[in-house]
Amino acid sequence: MRGMVGDDHRFYKKHGLFDFLQKDIGKQLFNMGMGIAFVFKLLRIQASDRMTEMYIQQRKQIVKSGKPVQL
């Protein structure tokens, strides 16, 4: 989410508030790419507009599967 909440990311990094390490190289590269992509306002707006729909879709799939969810 570094790309969508860049200010938060910079604040946490500056103040040493991260309490986890991202060891998965694939996820690191994906997050870096998203951070670069979200520099462009048009991409940020499009992603933001689609995000709610995507979250709802994922939750519906979880409910349909009937599997217990661990929070």
PDB file of N, CA and C in Angstrom:
ATOM      1  N   MET A   1       0.806  -1.195   0.000  1.00  0.00           N
ATOM      2  CA  MET A   1       0.000   0.000   0.000  1.00  0.00           C
ATOM      3  C   MET A   1       0.853   1.265   0.000  1.00  0.00           C
ATOM      4  N   ARG A   2       2.134   1.101  -0.101  1.00  0.00           N
ATOM      5  CA  ARG A   2       3.032   2.249  -0.080  1.00  0.00           C
ATOM      6  C   ARG A   2       2.603   3.290  -1.100  1.00  0.00           C
ATOM      7  N   GLY A   3       2.141   2.836  -2.273  1.00  0.00           N
ATOM      8  CA  GLY A   3       1.771   3.772  -3.322  1.00  0.00           C
ATOM      9  C   GLY A   3       0.552   4.603  -2.992  1.00  0.00           C
ATOM     10  N   MET A   4      -0.427   3.980  -2.360  1.00  0.00           N
ATOM     11  CA  MET A   4      -1.670   4.685  -2.047  1.00  0.00           C
ATOM     12  C   MET A   4      -1.525   5.590  -0.826  1.00  0.00           C
ATOM     13  N   VAL A   5      -0.700   5.211   0.101  1.00  0.00           N
ATOM     14  CA  VAL A   5      -0.552   5.988   1.342  1.00  0.00           C
ATOM     15  C   VAL A   5       0.918   6.354   1.551  1.00  0.00           C
ATOM     16  N   GLY A   6       1.470   7.020   0.559  1.00  0.00           N
ATOM     17  CA  GLY A   6       2.889   7.359   0.574  1.00  0.00           C
ATOM     18  C   GLY A   6       3.304   8.202   1.760  1.00  0.00           C
ATOM     19  N   ASP A   7       2.462   9.156   2.146  1.00  0.00           N
ATOM     20  CA  ASP A   7       2.794  10.011   3.286  1.00  0.00           C
ATOM     21  C   ASP A   7       2.895   9.190   4.574  1.00  0.00           C
ATOM     22  N   ASP A   8       1.961   8.272   4.753  1.00  0.00           N
ATOM     23  CA  ASP A   8       2.005   7.408   5.937  1.00  0.00           C
ATOM     24  C   ASP A   8       3.272   6.562   5.934  1.00  0.00           C
ATOM     25  N   HIS A   9       3.599   6.006   4.769  1.00  0.00           N
ATOM     26  CA  HIS A   9       4.787   5.162   4.663  1.00  0.00           C
ATOM     27  C   HIS A   9       6.046   5.944   5.048  1.00  0.00           C
ATOM     28  N   ARG A  10       6.169   7.149   4.515  1.00  0.00           N
ATOM     29  CA  ARG A  10       7.350   7.973   4.824  1.00  0.00           C
ATOM     30  C   ARG A  10       7.415   8.296   6.318  1.00  0.00           C
ATOM     31  N   PHE A  11       6.279   8.613   6.937  1.00  0.00           N
ATOM     32  CA  PHE A  11       6.243   8.933   8.362  1.00  0.00           C
ATOM     33  C   PHE A  11       6.695   7.724   9.191  1.00  0.00           C
ATOM     34  N   TYR A  12       6.110   6.559   8.907  1.00  0.00           N
ATOM     35  CA  TYR A  12       6.464   5.353   9.660  1.00  0.00           C
ATOM     36  C   TYR A  12       7.939   5.010   9.485  1.00  0.00           C
ATOM     37  N   LYS A  13       8.432   5.134   8.245  1.00  0.00           N
ATOM     38  CA  LYS A  13       9.829   4.806   7.979  1.00  0.00           C
ATOM     39  C   LYS A  13      10.755   5.779   8.711  1.00  0.00           C
ATOM     40  N   LYS A  14      10.442   7.060   8.649  1.00  0.00           N
ATOM     41  CA  LYS A  14      11.267   8.088   9.289  1.00  0.00           C
ATOM     42  C   LYS A  14      11.341   7.891  10.797  1.00  0.00           C
ATOM     43  N   HIS A  15      10.231   7.487  11.396  1.00  0.00           N
ATOM     44  CA  HIS A  15      10.165   7.346  12.857  1.00  0.00           C
ATOM     45  C   HIS A  15      10.407   5.921  13.338  1.00  0.00           C
ATOM     46  N   GLY A  16      10.780   5.027  12.436  1.00  0.00           N
ATOM     47  CA  GLY A  16      11.110   3.654  12.824  1.00  0.00           C
ATOM     48  C   GLY A  16       9.944   2.890  13.418  1.00  0.00           C
ATOM     49  N   LEU A  17       8.743   3.099  12.894  1.00  0.00           N
ATOM     50  CA  LEU A  17       7.551   2.493  13.472  1.00  0.00           C
ATOM     51  C   LEU A  17       7.114   1.194  12.802  1.00  0.00           C
ATOM     52  N   PHE A  18       7.833   0.739  11.791  1.00  0.00           N
ATOM     53  CA  PHE A  18       7.469  -0.532  11.175  1.00  0.00           C
ATOM     54  C   PHE A  18       7.817  -1.661  12.147  1.00  0.00           C
ATOM     55  N   ASP A  19       6.873  -2.583  12.342  1.00  0.00           N
ATOM     56  CA  ASP A  19       7.106  -3.681  13.276  1.00  0.00           C
ATOM     57  C   ASP A  19       7.159  -5.032  12.558  1.00  0.00           C
ATOM     58  N   PHE A  20       7.444  -5.010  11.283  1.00  0.00           N
ATOM     59  CA  PHE A  20       7.545  -6.244  10.518  1.00  0.00           C
ATOM     60  C   PHE A  20       8.579  -6.066   9.418  1.00  0.00           C
ATOM     61  N   LEU A  21       9.038  -7.177   8.913  1.00  0.00           N
ATOM     62  CA  LEU A  21       9.968  -7.155   7.781  1.00  0.00           C
ATOM     63  C   LEU A  21       9.302  -7.849   6.610  1.00  0.00           C
ATOM     64  N   GLN A  22       9.409  -7.272   5.450  1.00  0.00           N
ATOM     65  CA  GLN A  22       8.870  -7.879   4.245  1.00  0.00           C
ATOM     66  C   GLN A  22       9.999  -8.669   3.595  1.00  0.00           C
ATOM     67  N   LYS A  23       9.983  -9.978   3.769  1.00  0.00           N
ATOM     68  CA  LYS A  23      11.078 -10.817   3.272  1.00  0.00           C
ATOM     69  C   LYS A  23      10.794 -11.406   1.904  1.00  0.00           C
ATOM     70  N   ASP A  24       9.558 -11.355   1.462  1.00  0.00           N
ATOM     71  CA  ASP A  24       9.188 -11.920   0.172  1.00  0.00           C
ATOM     72  C   ASP A  24       9.602 -10.946  -0.935  1.00  0.00           C
ATOM     73  N   ILE A  25      10.604 -11.339  -1.720  1.00  0.00           N
ATOM     74  CA  ILE A  25      11.146 -10.473  -2.770  1.00  0.00           C
ATOM     75  C   ILE A  25      10.072 -10.098  -3.784  1.00  0.00           C
ATOM     76  N   GLY A  26       9.219 -11.038  -4.128  1.00  0.00           N
ATOM     77  CA  GLY A  26       8.148 -10.772  -5.083  1.00  0.00           C
ATOM     78  C   GLY A  26       7.228  -9.660  -4.603  1.00  0.00           C
ATOM     79  N   LYS A  27       6.853  -9.722  -3.319  1.00  0.00           N
ATOM     80  CA  LYS A  27       5.987  -8.687  -2.748  1.00  0.00           C
ATOM     81  C   LYS A  27       6.718  -7.348  -2.680  1.00  0.00           C
ATOM     82  N   GLN A  28       8.000  -7.381  -2.376  1.00  0.00           N
ATOM     83  CA  GLN A  28       8.785  -6.142  -2.342  1.00  0.00           C
ATOM     84  C   GLN A  28       8.776  -5.477  -3.709  1.00  0.00           C
ATOM     85  N   LEU A  29       9.015  -6.268  -4.761  1.00  0.00           N
ATOM     86  CA  LEU A  29       9.040  -5.724  -6.112  1.00  0.00           C
ATOM     87  C   LEU A  29       7.664  -5.204  -6.534  1.00  0.00           C
ATOM     88  N   PHE A  30       6.620  -5.959  -6.189  1.00  0.00           N
ATOM     89  CA  PHE A  30       5.263  -5.520  -6.509  1.00  0.00           C
ATOM     90  C   PHE A  30       4.967  -4.182  -5.830  1.00  0.00           C
ATOM     91  N   ASN A  31       5.263  -4.092  -4.531  1.00  0.00           N
ATOM     92  CA  ASN A  31       5.008  -2.853  -3.793  1.00  0.00           C
ATOM     93  C   ASN A  31       5.826  -1.687  -4.347  1.00  0.00           C
ATOM     94  N   MET A  32       7.052  -1.957  -4.745  1.00  0.00           N
ATOM     95  CA  MET A  32       7.882  -0.905  -5.322  1.00  0.00           C
ATOM     96  C   MET A  32       7.277  -0.423  -6.646  1.00  0.00           C
ATOM     97  N   GLY A  33       6.836  -1.367  -7.454  1.00  0.00           N
ATOM     98  CA  GLY A  33       6.211  -1.019  -8.727  1.00  0.00           C
ATOM     99  C   GLY A  33       4.942  -0.214  -8.546  1.00  0.00           C
ATOM    100  N   MET A  34       4.141  -0.608  -7.560  1.00  0.00           N
ATOM    101  CA  MET A  34       2.913   0.134  -7.292  1.00  0.00           C
ATOM    102  C   MET A  34       3.228   1.542  -6.795  1.00  0.00           C
ATOM    103  N   GLY A  35       4.254   1.653  -5.974  1.00  0.00           N
ATOM    104  CA  GLY A  35       4.660   2.965  -5.485  1.00  0.00           C
ATOM    105  C   GLY A  35       5.053   3.885  -6.624  1.00  0.00           C
ATOM    106  N   ILE A  36       5.772   3.333  -7.588  1.00  0.00           N
ATOM    107  CA  ILE A  36       6.174   4.130  -8.755  1.00  0.00           C
ATOM    108  C   ILE A  36       4.949   4.469  -9.605  1.00  0.00           C
ATOM    109  N   ALA A  37       4.068   3.496  -9.810  1.00  0.00           N
ATOM    110  CA  ALA A  37       2.880   3.724 -10.638  1.00  0.00           C
ATOM    111  C   ALA A  37       1.979   4.799 -10.032  1.00  0.00           C
ATOM    112  N   PHE A  38       1.857   4.813  -8.705  1.00  0.00           N
ATOM    113  CA  PHE A  38       0.940   5.748  -8.061  1.00  0.00           C
ATOM    114  C   PHE A  38       1.479   7.166  -7.963  1.00  0.00           C
ATOM    115  N   VAL A  39       2.665   7.380  -8.494  1.00  0.00           N
ATOM    116  CA  VAL A  39       3.165   8.748  -8.617  1.00  0.00           C
ATOM    117  C   VAL A  39       2.273   9.504  -9.600  1.00  0.00           C
ATOM    118  N   PHE A  40       1.704   8.758 -10.558  1.00  0.00           N
ATOM    119  CA  PHE A  40       0.852   9.354 -11.569  1.00  0.00           C
ATOM    120  C   PHE A  40      -0.585   9.448 -11.059  1.00  0.00           C
ATOM    121  N   LYS A  41      -1.121  10.656 -11.038  1.00  0.00           N
ATOM    122  CA  LYS A  41      -2.436  10.928 -10.462  1.00  0.00           C
ATOM    123  C   LYS A  41      -3.547  10.106 -11.121  1.00  0.00           C
ATOM    124  N   LEU A  42      -3.508   9.961 -12.436  1.00  0.00           N
ATOM    125  CA  LEU A  42      -4.548   9.222 -13.143  1.00  0.00           C
ATOM    126  C   LEU A  42      -4.618   7.773 -12.662  1.00  0.00           C
ATOM    127  N   LEU A  43      -3.470   7.125 -12.489  1.00  0.00           N
ATOM    128  CA  LEU A  43      -3.453   5.743 -12.008  1.00  0.00           C
ATOM    129  C   LEU A  43      -3.960   5.645 -10.576  1.00  0.00           C
ATOM    130  N   ARG A  44      -3.587   6.618  -9.737  1.00  0.00           N
ATOM    131  CA  ARG A  44      -4.067   6.639  -8.347  1.00  0.00           C
ATOM    132  C   ARG A  44      -5.582   6.731  -8.304  1.00  0.00           C
ATOM    133  N   ILE A  45      -6.152   7.602  -9.117  1.00  0.00           N
ATOM    134  CA  ILE A  45      -7.607   7.803  -9.132  1.00  0.00           C
ATOM    135  C   ILE A  45      -8.301   6.533  -9.614  1.00  0.00           C
ATOM    136  N   GLN A  46      -7.792   5.934 -10.694  1.00  0.00           N
ATOM    137  CA  GLN A  46      -8.407   4.717 -11.216  1.00  0.00           C
ATOM    138  C   GLN A  46      -8.342   3.584 -10.201  1.00  0.00           C
ATOM    139  N   ALA A  47      -7.210   3.425  -9.551  1.00  0.00           N
ATOM    140  CA  ALA A  47      -7.058   2.359  -8.558  1.00  0.00           C
ATOM    141  C   ALA A  47      -7.992   2.592  -7.375  1.00  0.00           C
ATOM    142  N   SER A  48      -8.074   3.814  -6.943  1.00  0.00           N
ATOM    143  CA  SER A  48      -8.937   4.149  -5.812  1.00  0.00           C
ATOM    144  C   SER A  48     -10.396   3.869  -6.148  1.00  0.00           C
ATOM    145  N   ASP A  49     -10.804   4.215  -7.364  1.00  0.00           N
ATOM    146  CA  ASP A  49     -12.189   3.977  -7.786  1.00  0.00           C
ATOM    147  C   ASP A  49     -12.526   2.489  -7.835  1.00  0.00           C
ATOM    148  N   ARG A  50     -11.571   1.653  -8.218  1.00  0.00           N
ATOM    149  CA  ARG A  50     -11.814   0.215  -8.357  1.00  0.00           C
ATOM    150  C   ARG A  50     -11.632  -0.556  -7.053  1.00  0.00           C
ATOM    151  N   MET A  51     -10.954   0.045  -6.080  1.00  0.00           N
ATOM    152  CA  MET A  51     -10.573  -0.678  -4.876  1.00  0.00           C
ATOM    153  C   MET A  51     -11.779  -1.187  -4.079  1.00  0.00           C
ATOM    154  N   THR A  52     -12.785  -0.365  -3.905  1.00  0.00           N
ATOM    155  CA  THR A  52     -13.957  -0.781  -3.131  1.00  0.00           C
ATOM    156  C   THR A  52     -14.626  -1.977  -3.790  1.00  0.00           C
ATOM    157  N   GLU A  53     -14.787  -1.918  -5.107  1.00  0.00           N
ATOM    158  CA  GLU A  53     -15.401  -3.021  -5.846  1.00  0.00           C
ATOM    159  C   GLU A  53     -14.589  -4.306  -5.683  1.00  0.00           C
ATOM    160  N   MET A  54     -13.272  -4.191  -5.729  1.00  0.00           N
ATOM    161  CA  MET A  54     -12.416  -5.367  -5.590  1.00  0.00           C
ATOM    162  C   MET A  54     -12.508  -5.963  -4.188  1.00  0.00           C
ATOM    163  N   TYR A  55     -12.536  -5.114  -3.162  1.00  0.00           N
ATOM    164  CA  TYR A  55     -12.663  -5.616  -1.792  1.00  0.00           C
ATOM    165  C   TYR A  55     -13.979  -6.345  -1.601  1.00  0.00           C
ATOM    166  N   ILE A  56     -15.053  -5.785  -2.127  1.00  0.00           N
ATOM    167  CA  ILE A  56     -16.361  -6.423  -1.990  1.00  0.00           C
ATOM    168  C   ILE A  56     -16.366  -7.767  -2.700  1.00  0.00           C
ATOM    169  N   GLN A  57     -15.776  -7.815  -3.894  1.00  0.00           N
ATOM    170  CA  GLN A  57     -15.702  -9.056  -4.651  1.00  0.00           C
ATOM    171  C   GLN A  57     -14.946 -10.136  -3.871  1.00  0.00           C
ATOM    172  N   GLN A  58     -13.818  -9.765  -3.264  1.00  0.00           N
ATOM    173  CA  GLN A  58     -13.032 -10.723  -2.489  1.00  0.00           C
ATOM    174  C   GLN A  58     -13.827 -11.230  -1.293  1.00  0.00           C
ATOM    175  N   ARG A  59     -14.523 -10.346  -0.609  1.00  0.00           N
ATOM    176  CA  ARG A  59     -15.300 -10.750   0.568  1.00  0.00           C
ATOM    177  C   ARG A  59     -16.444 -11.668   0.185  1.00  0.00           C
ATOM    178  N   LYS A  60     -17.075 -11.408  -0.952  1.00  0.00           N
ATOM    179  CA  LYS A  60     -18.153 -12.278  -1.417  1.00  0.00           C
ATOM    180  C   LYS A  60     -17.621 -13.680  -1.691  1.00  0.00           C
ATOM    181  N   GLN A  61     -16.431 -13.774  -2.279  1.00  0.00           N
ATOM    182  CA  GLN A  61     -15.833 -15.085  -2.547  1.00  0.00           C
ATOM    183  C   GLN A  61     -15.554 -15.828  -1.247  1.00  0.00           C
ATOM    184  N   ILE A  62     -15.094 -15.105  -0.231  1.00  0.00           N
ATOM    185  CA  ILE A  62     -14.826 -15.725   1.070  1.00  0.00           C
ATOM    186  C   ILE A  62     -16.111 -16.262   1.670  1.00  0.00           C
ATOM    187  N   VAL A  63     -17.170 -15.476   1.608  1.00  0.00           N
ATOM    188  CA  VAL A  63     -18.462 -15.888   2.175  1.00  0.00           C
ATOM    189  C   VAL A  63     -19.001 -17.106   1.413  1.00  0.00           C
ATOM    190  N   LYS A  64     -18.916 -17.093   0.090  1.00  0.00           N
ATOM    191  CA  LYS A  64     -19.394 -18.220  -0.715  1.00  0.00           C
ATOM    192  C   LYS A  64     -18.610 -19.498  -0.432  1.00  0.00           C
ATOM    193  N   SER A  65     -17.328 -19.369  -0.136  1.00  0.00           N
ATOM    194  CA  SER A  65     -16.507 -20.557   0.098  1.00  0.00           C
ATOM    195  C   SER A  65     -16.871 -21.256   1.398  1.00  0.00           C
ATOM    196  N   GLY A  66     -17.423 -20.508   2.346  1.00  0.00           N
ATOM    197  CA  GLY A  66     -17.822 -21.103   3.610  1.00  0.00           C
ATOM    198  C   GLY A  66     -16.675 -21.409   4.541  1.00  0.00           C
ATOM    199  N   LYS A  67     -15.474 -21.025   4.164  1.00  0.00           N
ATOM    200  CA  LYS A  67     -14.307 -21.272   5.008  1.00  0.00           C
ATOM    201  C   LYS A  67     -14.238 -20.244   6.137  1.00  0.00           C
ATOM    202  N   PRO A  68     -13.818 -20.685   7.322  1.00  0.00           N
ATOM    203  CA  PRO A  68     -13.671 -19.722   8.420  1.00  0.00           C
ATOM    204  C   PRO A  68     -12.541 -18.737   8.117  1.00  0.00           C
ATOM    205  N   VAL A  69     -12.727 -17.513   8.549  1.00  0.00           N
ATOM    206  CA  VAL A  69     -11.758 -16.451   8.288  1.00  0.00           C
ATOM    207  C   VAL A  69     -11.013 -16.140   9.570  1.00  0.00           C
ATOM    208  N   GLN A  70      -9.698 -16.111   9.485  1.00  0.00           N
ATOM    209  CA  GLN A  70      -8.886 -15.772  10.659  1.00  0.00           C
ATOM    210  C   GLN A  70      -8.491 -14.305  10.546  1.00  0.00           C
ATOM    211  N   LEU A  71      -8.861 -13.526  11.508  1.00  0.00           N
ATOM    212  CA  LEU A  71      -8.536 -12.091  11.499  1.00  0.00           C
ATOM    213  C   LEU A  71      -7.306 -11.812  12.309  1.00  0.00           C
TER     214      LEU A  71
END
